[in-house]
Amino acid sequence: MPAGHPEDWLFVSRVHLEFRCGPDGAWQLCWLRGSQTEPSAEVRLIVGEYAQTVSYGAAVTLPRGGSGEVVVQDRTAPRSVNVGFYHEV
């Protein structure tokens, strides 16, 4: 049986996220623009009680020494994927 992902997970594969480390050691979450003018999902950065929407094509800096979640929420159905992170100092 070939490996693959369920059809309803395609919304995640259409979201191009990168974690980048700058020369100063600061990490950024970057949402790269794809071929579509509108994204298929919404992306949020959650750190403690603080939540920030990540704009399509934008980058946000992750807190130094912090932890949180990146939430990818499908815009067409009630489903999401959460990715946790921890930044060591």
PDB file of N, CA and C in Angstrom:
ATOM      1  N   MET A   1       0.846  -1.172   0.000  1.00  0.00           N
ATOM      2  CA  MET A   1       0.000   0.000   0.000  1.00  0.00           C
ATOM      3  C   MET A   1       0.895   1.240   0.000  1.00  0.00           C
ATOM      4  N   PRO A   2       0.704   2.158  -0.947  1.00  0.00           N
ATOM      5  CA  PRO A   2       1.536   3.358  -1.005  1.00  0.00           C
ATOM      6  C   PRO A   2       1.230   4.304   0.160  1.00  0.00           C
ATOM      7  N   ALA A   3       2.286   4.972   0.610  1.00  0.00           N
ATOM      8  CA  ALA A   3       2.107   5.951   1.680  1.00  0.00           C
ATOM      9  C   ALA A   3       1.503   7.219   1.087  1.00  0.00           C
ATOM     10  N   GLY A   4       0.700   7.879   1.847  1.00  0.00           N
ATOM     11  CA  GLY A   4       0.082   9.116   1.384  1.00  0.00           C
ATOM     12  C   GLY A   4      -0.657   9.773   2.513  1.00  0.00           C
ATOM     13  N   HIS A   5      -1.308  10.859   2.204  1.00  0.00           N
ATOM     14  CA  HIS A   5      -2.087  11.562   3.221  1.00  0.00           C
ATOM     15  C   HIS A   5      -3.541  11.585   2.782  1.00  0.00           C
ATOM     16  N   PRO A   6      -4.440  11.645   3.736  1.00  0.00           N
ATOM     17  CA  PRO A   6      -5.857  11.706   3.374  1.00  0.00           C
ATOM     18  C   PRO A   6      -6.156  12.958   2.553  1.00  0.00           C
ATOM     19  N   GLU A   7      -7.109  12.865   1.664  1.00  0.00           N
ATOM     20  CA  GLU A   7      -7.484  13.981   0.789  1.00  0.00           C
ATOM     21  C   GLU A   7      -7.835  15.243   1.586  1.00  0.00           C
ATOM     22  N   ASP A   8      -8.438  15.072   2.755  1.00  0.00           N
ATOM     23  CA  ASP A   8      -8.851  16.246   3.523  1.00  0.00           C
ATOM     24  C   ASP A   8      -7.690  16.943   4.230  1.00  0.00           C
ATOM     25  N   TRP A   9      -6.462  16.461   4.075  1.00  0.00           N
ATOM     26  CA  TRP A   9      -5.290  17.122   4.640  1.00  0.00           C
ATOM     27  C   TRP A   9      -4.609  18.025   3.621  1.00  0.00           C
ATOM     28  N   LEU A  10      -5.142  18.129   2.417  1.00  0.00           N
ATOM     29  CA  LEU A  10      -4.500  18.946   1.393  1.00  0.00           C
ATOM     30  C   LEU A  10      -4.391  20.410   1.779  1.00  0.00           C
ATOM     31  N   PHE A  11      -5.289  20.898   2.628  1.00  0.00           N
ATOM     32  CA  PHE A  11      -5.200  22.305   3.027  1.00  0.00           C
ATOM     33  C   PHE A  11      -3.876  22.598   3.712  1.00  0.00           C
ATOM     34  N   VAL A  12      -3.289  21.623   4.403  1.00  0.00           N
ATOM     35  CA  VAL A  12      -2.008  21.828   5.080  1.00  0.00           C
ATOM     36  C   VAL A  12      -0.880  21.883   4.064  1.00  0.00           C
ATOM     37  N   SER A  13      -0.917  21.024   3.052  1.00  0.00           N
ATOM     38  CA  SER A  13       0.162  21.008   2.065  1.00  0.00           C
ATOM     39  C   SER A  13       0.183  22.286   1.230  1.00  0.00           C
ATOM     40  N   ARG A  14      -0.909  23.024   1.211  1.00  0.00           N
ATOM     41  CA  ARG A  14      -0.957  24.280   0.446  1.00  0.00           C
ATOM     42  C   ARG A  14      -0.442  25.470   1.247  1.00  0.00           C
ATOM     43  N   VAL A  15      -0.109  25.261   2.498  1.00  0.00           N
ATOM     44  CA  VAL A  15       0.404  26.340   3.344  1.00  0.00           C
ATOM     45  C   VAL A  15       1.920  26.175   3.440  1.00  0.00           C
ATOM     46  N   HIS A  16       2.664  27.135   2.904  1.00  0.00           N
ATOM     47  CA  HIS A  16       4.116  27.063   2.850  1.00  0.00           C
ATOM     48  C   HIS A  16       4.705  27.876   3.999  1.00  0.00           C
ATOM     49  N   LEU A  17       5.037  27.203   5.091  1.00  0.00           N
ATOM     50  CA  LEU A  17       5.616  27.859   6.253  1.00  0.00           C
ATOM     51  C   LEU A  17       7.089  27.485   6.370  1.00  0.00           C
ATOM     52  N   GLU A  18       7.909  28.459   6.734  1.00  0.00           N
ATOM     53  CA  GLU A  18       9.328  28.214   6.977  1.00  0.00           C
ATOM     54  C   GLU A  18       9.709  28.796   8.328  1.00  0.00           C
ATOM     55  N   PHE A  19      10.569  28.089   9.027  1.00  0.00           N
ATOM     56  CA  PHE A  19      11.196  28.618  10.227  1.00  0.00           C
ATOM     57  C   PHE A  19      12.596  29.024   9.812  1.00  0.00           C
ATOM     58  N   ARG A  20      12.937  30.306  10.023  1.00  0.00           N
ATOM     59  CA  ARG A  20      14.250  30.828   9.623  1.00  0.00           C
ATOM     60  C   ARG A  20      14.970  31.392  10.839  1.00  0.00           C
ATOM     61  N   CYS A  21      16.259  31.088  10.922  1.00  0.00           N
ATOM     62  CA  CYS A  21      17.085  31.635  11.998  1.00  0.00           C
ATOM     63  C   CYS A  21      17.989  32.698  11.407  1.00  0.00           C
ATOM     64  N   GLY A  22      17.916  33.904  11.963  1.00  0.00           N
ATOM     65  CA  GLY A  22      18.739  35.012  11.486  1.00  0.00           C
ATOM     66  C   GLY A  22      20.135  34.961  12.072  1.00  0.00           C
ATOM     67  N   PRO A  23      21.029  35.821  11.608  1.00  0.00           N
ATOM     68  CA  PRO A  23      22.409  35.842  12.089  1.00  0.00           C
ATOM     69  C   PRO A  23      22.519  36.194  13.574  1.00  0.00           C
ATOM     70  N   ASP A  24      21.489  36.857  14.107  1.00  0.00           N
ATOM     71  CA  ASP A  24      21.497  37.220  15.530  1.00  0.00           C
ATOM     72  C   ASP A  24      20.891  36.125  16.407  1.00  0.00           C
ATOM     73  N   GLY A  25      20.502  34.997  15.805  1.00  0.00           N
ATOM     74  CA  GLY A  25      19.925  33.886  16.568  1.00  0.00           C
ATOM     75  C   GLY A  25      18.420  33.987  16.763  1.00  0.00           C
ATOM     76  N   ALA A  26      17.810  35.036  16.227  1.00  0.00           N
ATOM     77  CA  ALA A  26      16.354  35.189  16.343  1.00  0.00           C
ATOM     78  C   ALA A  26      15.674  34.334  15.274  1.00  0.00           C
ATOM     79  N   TRP A  27      14.606  33.648  15.670  1.00  0.00           N
ATOM     80  CA  TRP A  27      13.853  32.801  14.748  1.00  0.00           C
ATOM     81  C   TRP A  27      12.621  33.522  14.249  1.00  0.00           C
ATOM     82  N   GLN A  28      12.291  33.286  12.992  1.00  0.00           N
ATOM     83  CA  GLN A  28      11.087  33.849  12.389  1.00  0.00           C
ATOM     84  C   GLN A  28      10.255  32.726  11.785  1.00  0.00           C
ATOM     85  N   LEU A  29       8.936  32.926  11.823  1.00  0.00           N
ATOM     86  CA  LEU A  29       8.006  32.076  11.106  1.00  0.00           C
ATOM     87  C   LEU A  29       7.602  32.852   9.862  1.00  0.00           C
ATOM     88  N   CYS A  30       7.845  32.274   8.686  1.00  0.00           N
ATOM     89  CA  CYS A  30       7.551  32.951   7.420  1.00  0.00           C
ATOM     90  C   CYS A  30       6.489  32.160   6.668  1.00  0.00           C
ATOM     91  N   TRP A  31       5.456  32.859   6.232  1.00  0.00           N
ATOM     92  CA  TRP A  31       4.412  32.237   5.415  1.00  0.00           C
ATOM     93  C   TRP A  31       4.642  32.686   3.987  1.00  0.00           C
ATOM     94  N   LEU A  32       5.190  31.786   3.184  1.00  0.00           N
ATOM     95  CA  LEU A  32       5.531  32.111   1.801  1.00  0.00           C
ATOM     96  C   LEU A  32       4.287  32.148   0.937  1.00  0.00           C
ATOM     97  N   ARG A  33       4.244  33.104   0.046  1.00  0.00           N
ATOM     98  CA  ARG A  33       3.131  33.190  -0.902  1.00  0.00           C
ATOM     99  C   ARG A  33       3.264  32.078  -1.929  1.00  0.00           C
ATOM    100  N   GLY A  34       2.151  31.449  -2.223  1.00  0.00           N
ATOM    101  CA  GLY A  34       2.119  30.422  -3.253  1.00  0.00           C
ATOM    102  C   GLY A  34       1.584  30.986  -4.557  1.00  0.00           C
ATOM    103  N   SER A  35       1.092  30.117  -5.405  1.00  0.00           N
ATOM    104  CA  SER A  35       0.587  30.546  -6.709  1.00  0.00           C
ATOM    105  C   SER A  35      -0.826  31.127  -6.632  1.00  0.00           C
ATOM    106  N   GLN A  36      -1.506  30.922  -5.504  1.00  0.00           N
ATOM    107  CA  GLN A  36      -2.868  31.433  -5.342  1.00  0.00           C
ATOM    108  C   GLN A  36      -2.846  32.846  -4.755  1.00  0.00           C
ATOM    109  N   THR A  37      -3.791  33.683  -5.177  1.00  0.00           N
ATOM    110  CA  THR A  37      -3.856  35.043  -4.633  1.00  0.00           C
ATOM    111  C   THR A  37      -4.418  35.055  -3.226  1.00  0.00           C
ATOM    112  N   GLU A  38      -5.272  34.096  -2.905  1.00  0.00           N
ATOM    113  CA  GLU A  38      -5.855  33.980  -1.567  1.00  0.00           C
ATOM    114  C   GLU A  38      -5.399  32.664  -0.944  1.00  0.00           C
ATOM    115  N   PRO A  39      -5.071  32.676   0.342  1.00  0.00           N
ATOM    116  CA  PRO A  39      -4.631  31.439   0.989  1.00  0.00           C
ATOM    117  C   PRO A  39      -5.799  30.483   1.241  1.00  0.00           C
ATOM    118  N   SER A  40      -5.486  29.194   1.342  1.00  0.00           N
ATOM    119  CA  SER A  40      -6.508  28.179   1.626  1.00  0.00           C
ATOM    120  C   SER A  40      -6.710  27.984   3.123  1.00  0.00           C
ATOM    121  N   ALA A  41      -5.890  28.656   3.925  1.00  0.00           N
ATOM    122  CA  ALA A  41      -5.956  28.493   5.378  1.00  0.00           C
ATOM    123  C   ALA A  41      -5.662  29.819   6.060  1.00  0.00           C
ATOM    124  N   GLU A  42      -5.859  29.832   7.369  1.00  0.00           N
ATOM    125  CA  GLU A  42      -5.426  30.945   8.213  1.00  0.00           C
ATOM    126  C   GLU A  42      -4.339  30.402   9.125  1.00  0.00           C
ATOM    127  N   VAL A  43      -3.349  31.228   9.436  1.00  0.00           N
ATOM    128  CA  VAL A  43      -2.249  30.819  10.300  1.00  0.00           C
ATOM    129  C   VAL A  43      -2.198  31.762  11.490  1.00  0.00           C
ATOM    130  N   ARG A  44      -2.128  31.175  12.688  1.00  0.00           N
ATOM    131  CA  ARG A  44      -2.027  31.965  13.918  1.00  0.00           C
ATOM    132  C   ARG A  44      -0.824  31.508  14.724  1.00  0.00           C
ATOM    133  N   LEU A  45      -0.182  32.452  15.380  1.00  0.00           N
ATOM    134  CA  LEU A  45       0.900  32.180  16.316  1.00  0.00           C
ATOM    135  C   LEU A  45       0.339  32.400  17.708  1.00  0.00           C
ATOM    136  N   ILE A  46       0.430  31.392  18.561  1.00  0.00           N
ATOM    137  CA  ILE A  46      -0.098  31.496  19.928  1.00  0.00           C
ATOM    138  C   ILE A  46       1.051  31.296  20.908  1.00  0.00           C
ATOM    139  N   VAL A  47       1.249  32.296  21.763  1.00  0.00           N
ATOM    140  CA  VAL A  47       2.276  32.244  22.803  1.00  0.00           C
ATOM    141  C   VAL A  47       1.592  32.627  24.109  1.00  0.00           C
ATOM    142  N   GLY A  48       1.376  31.640  24.975  1.00  0.00           N
ATOM    143  CA  GLY A  48       0.654  31.894  26.218  1.00  0.00           C
ATOM    144  C   GLY A  48      -0.754  32.371  25.920  1.00  0.00           C
ATOM    145  N   GLU A  49      -1.130  33.508  26.485  1.00  0.00           N
ATOM    146  CA  GLU A  49      -2.456  34.091  26.271  1.00  0.00           C
ATOM    147  C   GLU A  49      -2.519  34.954  25.013  1.00  0.00           C
ATOM    148  N   TYR A  50      -1.363  35.173  24.392  1.00  0.00           N
ATOM    149  CA  TYR A  50      -1.259  36.064  23.240  1.00  0.00           C
ATOM    150  C   TYR A  50      -1.443  35.278  21.945  1.00  0.00           C
ATOM    151  N   ALA A  51      -2.299  35.768  21.056  1.00  0.00           N
ATOM    152  CA  ALA A  51      -2.498  35.155  19.747  1.00  0.00           C
ATOM    153  C   ALA A  51      -2.333  36.220  18.675  1.00  0.00           C
ATOM    154  N   GLN A  52      -1.630  35.869  17.603  1.00  0.00           N
ATOM    155  CA  GLN A  52      -1.382  36.803  16.509  1.00  0.00           C
ATOM    156  C   GLN A  52      -1.660  36.094  15.193  1.00  0.00           C
ATOM    157  N   THR A  53      -2.430  36.729  14.337  1.00  0.00           N
ATOM    158  CA  THR A  53      -2.656  36.206  12.993  1.00  0.00           C
ATOM    159  C   THR A  53      -1.439  36.515  12.143  1.00  0.00           C
ATOM    160  N   VAL A  54      -0.984  35.520  11.400  1.00  0.00           N
ATOM    161  CA  VAL A  54       0.142  35.712  10.491  1.00  0.00           C
ATOM    162  C   VAL A  54      -0.451  36.007   9.114  1.00  0.00           C
ATOM    163  N   SER A  55      -0.098  37.135   8.549  1.00  0.00           N
ATOM    164  CA  SER A  55      -0.614  37.521   7.235  1.00  0.00           C
ATOM    165  C   SER A  55       0.032  36.682   6.146  1.00  0.00           C
ATOM    166  N   TYR A  56      -0.738  36.444   5.097  1.00  0.00           N
ATOM    167  CA  TYR A  56      -0.261  35.687   3.936  1.00  0.00           C
ATOM    168  C   TYR A  56       0.909  36.429   3.308  1.00  0.00           C
ATOM    169  N   GLY A  57       2.056  35.771   3.215  1.00  0.00           N
ATOM    170  CA  GLY A  57       3.255  36.389   2.656  1.00  0.00           C
ATOM    171  C   GLY A  57       4.095  37.143   3.663  1.00  0.00           C
ATOM    172  N   ALA A  58       3.738  37.072   4.937  1.00  0.00           N
ATOM    173  CA  ALA A  58       4.443  37.840   5.973  1.00  0.00           C
ATOM    174  C   ALA A  58       5.329  36.939   6.837  1.00  0.00           C
ATOM    175  N   ALA A  59       6.093  37.581   7.717  1.00  0.00           N
ATOM    176  CA  ALA A  59       6.949  36.880   8.676  1.00  0.00           C
ATOM    177  C   ALA A  59       6.732  37.489  10.052  1.00  0.00           C
ATOM    178  N   VAL A  60       6.810  36.651  11.072  1.00  0.00           N
ATOM    179  CA  VAL A  60       6.731  37.118  12.458  1.00  0.00           C
ATOM    180  C   VAL A  60       7.909  36.529  13.226  1.00  0.00           C
ATOM    181  N   THR A  61       8.414  37.289  14.176  1.00  0.00           N
ATOM    182  CA  THR A  61       9.536  36.829  14.992  1.00  0.00           C
ATOM    183  C   THR A  61       9.008  36.026  16.172  1.00  0.00           C
ATOM    184  N   LEU A  62       9.626  34.877  16.408  1.00  0.00           N
ATOM    185  CA  LEU A  62       9.251  34.039  17.543  1.00  0.00           C
ATOM    186  C   LEU A  62       9.941  34.565  18.796  1.00  0.00           C
ATOM    187  N   PRO A  63       9.288  34.460  19.950  1.00  0.00           N
ATOM    188  CA  PRO A  63       9.889  34.997  21.173  1.00  0.00           C
ATOM    189  C   PRO A  63      11.123  34.207  21.598  1.00  0.00           C
ATOM    190  N   ARG A  64      12.170  34.933  21.971  1.00  0.00           N
ATOM    191  CA  ARG A  64      13.396  34.286  22.468  1.00  0.00           C
ATOM    192  C   ARG A  64      13.107  33.601  23.787  1.00  0.00           C
ATOM    193  N   GLY A  65      13.532  32.361  23.887  1.00  0.00           N
ATOM    194  CA  GLY A  65      13.341  31.631  25.133  1.00  0.00           C
ATOM    195  C   GLY A  65      11.890  31.305  25.412  1.00  0.00           C
ATOM    196  N   GLY A  66      11.047  31.374  24.409  1.00  0.00           N
ATOM    197  CA  GLY A  66       9.622  31.131  24.589  1.00  0.00           C
ATOM    198  C   GLY A  66       9.168  29.862  23.908  1.00  0.00           C
ATOM    199  N   SER A  67       7.919  29.562  24.121  1.00  0.00           N
ATOM    200  CA  SER A  67       7.311  28.405  23.468  1.00  0.00           C
ATOM    201  C   SER A  67       5.888  28.763  23.089  1.00  0.00           C
ATOM    202  N   GLY A  68       5.326  27.994  22.194  1.00  0.00           N
ATOM    203  CA  GLY A  68       3.962  28.261  21.773  1.00  0.00           C
ATOM    204  C   GLY A  68       3.527  27.299  20.694  1.00  0.00           C
ATOM    205  N   GLU A  69       2.539  27.742  19.921  1.00  0.00           N
ATOM    206  CA  GLU A  69       1.986  26.918  18.861  1.00  0.00           C
ATOM    207  C   GLU A  69       1.770  27.741  17.599  1.00  0.00           C
ATOM    208  N   VAL A  70       1.906  27.072  16.488  1.00  0.00           N
ATOM    209  CA  VAL A  70       1.499  27.618  15.203  1.00  0.00           C
ATOM    210  C   VAL A  70       0.264  26.819  14.808  1.00  0.00           C
ATOM    211  N   VAL A  71      -0.841  27.514  14.555  1.00  0.00           N
ATOM    212  CA  VAL A  71      -2.099  26.848  14.214  1.00  0.00           C
ATOM    213  C   VAL A  71      -2.433  27.150  12.752  1.00  0.00           C
ATOM    214  N   VAL A  72      -2.612  26.094  11.981  1.00  0.00           N
ATOM    215  CA  VAL A  72      -3.033  26.214  10.582  1.00  0.00           C
ATOM    216  C   VAL A  72      -4.492  25.781  10.532  1.00  0.00           C
ATOM    217  N   GLN A  73      -5.380  26.734  10.268  1.00  0.00           N
ATOM    218  CA  GLN A  73      -6.833  26.502  10.269  1.00  0.00           C
ATOM    219  C   GLN A  73      -7.362  26.548   8.848  1.00  0.00           C
ATOM    220  N   ASP A  74      -7.991  25.463   8.416  1.00  0.00           N
ATOM    221  CA  ASP A  74      -8.589  25.417   7.084  1.00  0.00           C
ATOM    222  C   ASP A  74      -9.695  26.465   6.999  1.00  0.00           C
ATOM    223  N   ARG A  75      -9.783  27.169   5.884  1.00  0.00           N
ATOM    224  CA  ARG A  75     -10.822  28.191   5.697  1.00  0.00           C
ATOM    225  C   ARG A  75     -12.125  27.608   5.165  1.00  0.00           C
ATOM    226  N   THR A  76     -12.099  26.340   4.712  1.00  0.00           N
ATOM    227  CA  THR A  76     -13.283  25.757   4.095  1.00  0.00           C
ATOM    228  C   THR A  76     -13.949  24.685   4.943  1.00  0.00           C
ATOM    229  N   ALA A  77     -13.336  24.283   6.036  1.00  0.00           N
ATOM    230  CA  ALA A  77     -13.894  23.217   6.870  1.00  0.00           C
ATOM    231  C   ALA A  77     -13.377  23.375   8.299  1.00  0.00           C
ATOM    232  N   PRO A  78     -14.068  22.780   9.260  1.00  0.00           N
ATOM    233  CA  PRO A  78     -13.655  22.901  10.662  1.00  0.00           C
ATOM    234  C   PRO A  78     -12.524  21.931  11.021  1.00  0.00           C
ATOM    235  N   ARG A  79     -11.331  22.192  10.538  1.00  0.00           N
ATOM    236  CA  ARG A  79     -10.183  21.340  10.841  1.00  0.00           C
ATOM    237  C   ARG A  79      -8.933  22.207  10.922  1.00  0.00           C
ATOM    238  N   SER A  80      -7.999  21.738  11.710  1.00  0.00           N
ATOM    239  CA  SER A  80      -6.760  22.493  11.891  1.00  0.00           C
ATOM    240  C   SER A  80      -5.623  21.552  12.257  1.00  0.00           C
ATOM    241  N   VAL A  81      -4.406  22.079  12.145  1.00  0.00           N
ATOM    242  CA  VAL A  81      -3.194  21.379  12.556  1.00  0.00           C
ATOM    243  C   VAL A  81      -2.427  22.331  13.457  1.00  0.00           C
ATOM    244  N   ASN A  82      -1.989  21.834  14.606  1.00  0.00           N
ATOM    245  CA  ASN A  82      -1.214  22.631  15.549  1.00  0.00           C
ATOM    246  C   ASN A  82       0.218  22.103  15.590  1.00  0.00           C
ATOM    247  N   VAL A  83       1.194  23.014  15.525  1.00  0.00           N
ATOM    248  CA  VAL A  83       2.608  22.651  15.604  1.00  0.00           C
ATOM    249  C   VAL A  83       3.205  23.413  16.773  1.00  0.00           C
ATOM    250  N   GLY A  84       3.717  22.682  17.749  1.00  0.00           N
ATOM    251  CA  GLY A  84       4.328  23.325  18.911  1.00  0.00           C
ATOM    252  C   GLY A  84       5.781  23.689  18.640  1.00  0.00           C
ATOM    253  N   PHE A  85       6.274  24.710  19.350  1.00  0.00           N
ATOM    254  CA  PHE A  85       7.684  25.088  19.240  1.00  0.00           C
ATOM    255  C   PHE A  85       8.206  25.508  20.596  1.00  0.00           C
ATOM    256  N   TYR A  86       9.502  25.373  20.779  1.00  0.00           N
ATOM    257  CA  TYR A  86      10.205  25.831  21.972  1.00  0.00           C
ATOM    258  C   TYR A  86      11.532  26.402  21.513  1.00  0.00           C
ATOM    259  N   HIS A  87      11.827  27.629  21.911  1.00  0.00           N
ATOM    260  CA  HIS A  87      13.065  28.298  21.505  1.00  0.00           C
ATOM    261  C   HIS A  87      13.995  28.377  22.698  1.00  0.00           C
ATOM    262  N   GLU A  88      15.083  27.596  22.641  1.00  0.00           N
ATOM    263  CA  GLU A  88      16.088  27.645  23.710  1.00  0.00           C
ATOM    264  C   GLU A  88      16.954  28.881  23.544  1.00  0.00           C
ATOM    265  N   VAL A  89      17.398  29.431  24.648  1.00  0.00           N
ATOM    266  CA  VAL A  89      18.279  30.596  24.596  1.00  0.00           C
ATOM    267  C   VAL A  89      19.706  30.136  24.728  1.00  0.00           C
TER     268      VAL A  89
END
